Amino acid sequence: MIQEYILYGYLGILSIVAVFLFYKLRLAQKEREQLQKTQKLFLQGKRGKDLEQVLLTLAETTRESRKHQKLQDQQITDLGNAFKESLSRTSVVRFNQFDNTGSDQRFVVALLNRKKNGVLITSMYTRNGTSVYAKPINSGTSTYTLTKEEQQALDEATI
C-alpha cells in the first residue's frame, strides 16, 4: 500500500514536470512564430526586398570604402617617405667678398632634407662673369672645405 502511494507520488511529480515542460515548449513555439513573422515582414514583399537591397548595397559600399582606405593609407605612407627625402631645410646667405666691390651680389643657398642631406650652391659674381659651385652635404657635413658664408648657410638650414 505504501508502495502504491509512493508510485502515485512519483507519477504526480512526473505529471507536474511534464505539464511545466509542455508550457515552456508552447512559449518557445510562440516566440519562434513571432520571430518568423518579423522575418517575413522584413524579407518578403516589396518592403523586404528593398531592405535586403539596402543591406547588400551597404555591404558593397563598405567593401569599396575599405579598399579605398587601404589605398589612401599606402599613399600617405608613400608621401611620408617622400617627405623625408624632400627639401625642407633651406637657407640663403648673401655676402660681399671684398669690401670695395659694391653690394652683396654673391650668395650661398643651402638645400637640405630632414636627414640634413643635400647641397650648398655658391654663386660668385665678378666683373668678368659669374661662377656657380655646388658642394654635397651628407648628415650636415661636407667632404669639401666650407667658407665661413657656406658654413653660416649650413648652420642656418640645420637649426
Protein backbone atom coordinates (compact mmCIF):
# COMPACT_ATOMS: atom_id res chain seq x y z
CA MET A 1 0.00 0.00 0.00
CA ILE A 2 2.74 2.42 0.89
CA GLN A 3 4.48 1.44 -2.29
CA GLU A 4 1.36 2.38 -4.24
CA TYR A 5 1.31 5.81 -2.62
CA ILE A 6 4.98 6.31 -3.42
CA LEU A 7 4.32 5.25 -7.01
CA TYR A 8 1.38 7.67 -7.27
CA GLY A 9 3.53 10.42 -5.78
CA TYR A 10 6.18 9.86 -8.40
CA LEU A 11 3.57 9.82 -11.12
CA GLY A 12 2.14 13.08 -9.80
CA ILE A 13 5.55 14.73 -9.74
CA LEU A 14 6.27 13.47 -13.27
CA SER A 15 2.89 14.80 -14.42
CA ILE A 16 3.63 18.24 -12.96
CA VAL A 17 7.07 18.26 -14.62
CA ALA A 18 5.51 17.19 -17.94
CA VAL A 19 2.91 19.98 -17.76
CA PHE A 20 5.63 22.52 -16.92
CA LEU A 21 7.80 21.35 -19.84
CA PHE A 22 4.79 21.42 -22.19
CA TYR A 23 4.09 25.01 -21.07
CA LYS A 24 7.74 26.04 -21.72
CA LEU A 25 7.63 24.33 -25.13
CA ARG A 26 4.49 26.26 -26.05
CA LEU A 27 6.11 29.57 -25.03
CA ALA A 28 9.17 28.77 -27.17
CA GLN A 29 6.92 27.96 -30.14
CA LYS A 30 5.06 31.27 -29.79
CA GLU A 31 8.37 33.16 -29.63
CA ARG A 32 9.61 31.34 -32.73
CA GLU A 33 6.38 32.13 -34.60
CA GLN A 34 6.75 35.82 -33.67
CA LEU A 35 10.35 35.86 -34.94
CA GLN A 36 9.24 34.21 -38.19
CA LYS A 37 6.54 36.85 -38.66
CA THR A 38 9.07 39.62 -38.10
CA GLN A 39 11.50 37.99 -40.53
CA LYS A 40 8.78 37.67 -43.18
CA LEU A 41 7.84 41.31 -42.69
CA PHE A 42 11.42 42.42 -43.41
CA LEU A 43 12.38 39.95 -46.10
CA GLN A 44 9.18 39.37 -48.10
CA GLY A 45 7.24 41.63 -50.37
CA LYS A 46 8.35 44.99 -51.69
CA ARG A 47 9.48 46.29 -48.31
CA GLY A 48 11.54 43.21 -47.59
CA LYS A 49 13.26 43.27 -50.98
CA ASP A 50 14.04 46.96 -50.53
CA LEU A 51 15.59 46.27 -47.13
CA GLU A 52 17.57 43.36 -48.50
CA GLN A 53 18.85 45.52 -51.36
CA VAL A 54 19.81 48.28 -48.93
CA LEU A 55 21.78 45.80 -46.83
CA LEU A 56 23.55 44.41 -49.90
CA THR A 57 24.36 47.92 -51.12
CA LEU A 58 25.73 48.86 -47.69
CA ALA A 59 27.90 45.75 -47.62
CA GLU A 60 29.31 46.55 -51.09
CA THR A 61 29.89 50.19 -50.14
CA THR A 62 31.72 49.07 -47.01
CA ARG A 63 33.97 46.78 -49.06
CA GLU A 64 34.74 49.59 -51.52
CA SER A 65 35.44 52.01 -48.66
CA ARG A 66 37.91 49.56 -47.13
CA LYS A 67 39.70 49.21 -50.49
CA HIS A 68 39.93 53.00 -50.83
CA GLN A 69 41.12 53.34 -47.23
CA LYS A 70 43.94 50.82 -47.82
CA LEU A 71 44.95 52.72 -50.96
CA GLN A 72 44.92 56.04 -49.10
CA ASP A 73 46.92 54.55 -46.23
CA GLN A 74 49.56 53.41 -48.72
CA GLN A 75 49.58 56.83 -50.39
CA ILE A 76 50.03 58.54 -47.01
CA THR A 77 52.93 56.20 -46.21
CA ASP A 78 54.49 56.92 -49.60
CA LEU A 79 54.08 60.67 -49.09
CA GLY A 80 55.64 60.43 -45.63
CA ASN A 81 58.62 58.60 -47.06
CA ALA A 82 58.93 61.10 -49.90
CA PHE A 83 58.71 63.98 -47.42
CA LYS A 84 61.67 62.58 -45.51
CA GLU A 85 63.74 62.95 -48.66
CA SER A 86 62.29 66.28 -49.80
CA LEU A 87 63.97 69.64 -49.28
CA SER A 88 62.66 71.00 -46.03
CA ARG A 89 65.63 72.89 -44.62
CA THR A 90 66.78 75.90 -46.61
CA SER A 91 68.85 78.98 -46.07
CA VAL A 92 70.20 81.85 -48.19
CA VAL A 93 73.19 83.93 -47.18
CA ARG A 94 74.11 86.97 -49.30
CA PHE A 95 77.57 88.41 -48.90
CA ASN A 96 80.18 90.73 -50.36
CA GLN A 97 83.54 89.01 -50.59
CA PHE A 98 85.51 92.24 -51.00
CA ASP A 99 84.69 95.49 -49.24
CA ASN A 100 85.23 97.71 -52.26
CA THR A 101 83.12 95.81 -54.87
CA GLY A 102 79.64 97.16 -54.21
CA SER A 103 76.52 95.38 -52.99
CA ASP A 104 76.03 91.78 -51.79
CA GLN A 105 75.84 90.12 -55.20
CA ARG A 106 77.28 86.81 -54.07
CA PHE A 107 75.24 84.19 -52.25
CA VAL A 108 75.12 80.70 -50.81
CA VAL A 109 71.95 78.59 -50.88
CA ALA A 110 71.66 75.56 -48.59
CA LEU A 111 69.08 72.96 -49.70
CA LEU A 112 68.73 70.05 -47.25
CA ASN A 113 66.24 67.36 -46.34
CA ARG A 114 65.25 66.30 -42.81
CA LYS A 115 68.26 64.00 -42.63
CA LYS A 116 70.49 67.01 -43.35
CA ASN A 117 71.47 65.66 -46.76
CA GLY A 118 71.53 67.99 -49.75
CA VAL A 119 73.68 70.60 -51.43
CA LEU A 120 75.24 74.02 -50.93
CA ILE A 121 75.14 76.21 -54.03
CA THR A 122 77.52 79.15 -54.06
CA SER A 123 77.35 81.92 -56.66
CA MET A 124 80.38 84.18 -57.08
CA TYR A 125 79.81 87.34 -59.14
CA THR A 126 82.76 89.27 -60.58
CA ARG A 127 83.13 91.87 -63.30
CA ASN A 128 84.37 89.15 -65.63
CA GLY A 129 81.43 86.78 -65.04
CA THR A 130 79.57 84.60 -62.57
CA SER A 131 80.76 81.24 -61.24
CA VAL A 132 78.48 78.70 -59.56
CA TYR A 133 79.76 75.95 -57.26
CA ALA A 134 77.92 73.03 -55.66
CA LYS A 135 79.09 71.10 -52.62
CA PRO A 136 77.29 67.95 -51.46
CA ILE A 137 76.16 67.72 -47.85
CA ASN A 138 75.69 64.40 -46.04
CA SER A 139 74.38 64.32 -42.48
CA GLY A 140 75.08 68.03 -42.10
CA THR A 141 78.73 67.91 -43.16
CA SER A 142 80.66 68.24 -46.40
CA THR A 143 83.80 66.49 -47.58
CA TYR A 144 84.86 69.84 -49.08
CA THR A 145 86.23 72.77 -47.13
CA LEU A 146 83.47 75.31 -46.49
CA THR A 147 83.86 79.09 -46.48
CA LYS A 148 82.51 80.99 -43.50
CA GLU A 149 79.44 82.02 -45.57
CA GLU A 150 78.79 78.42 -46.63
CA GLN A 151 79.14 77.25 -43.04
CA GLN A 152 76.74 80.03 -41.96
CA ALA A 153 74.14 78.92 -44.55
CA LEU A 154 74.55 75.29 -43.49
CA ASP A 155 74.18 76.20 -39.82
CA GLU A 156 71.04 78.29 -40.51
CA ALA A 157 69.49 75.45 -42.53
CA THR A 158 70.13 72.82 -39.86
CA ILE A 159 68.68 74.77 -36.94
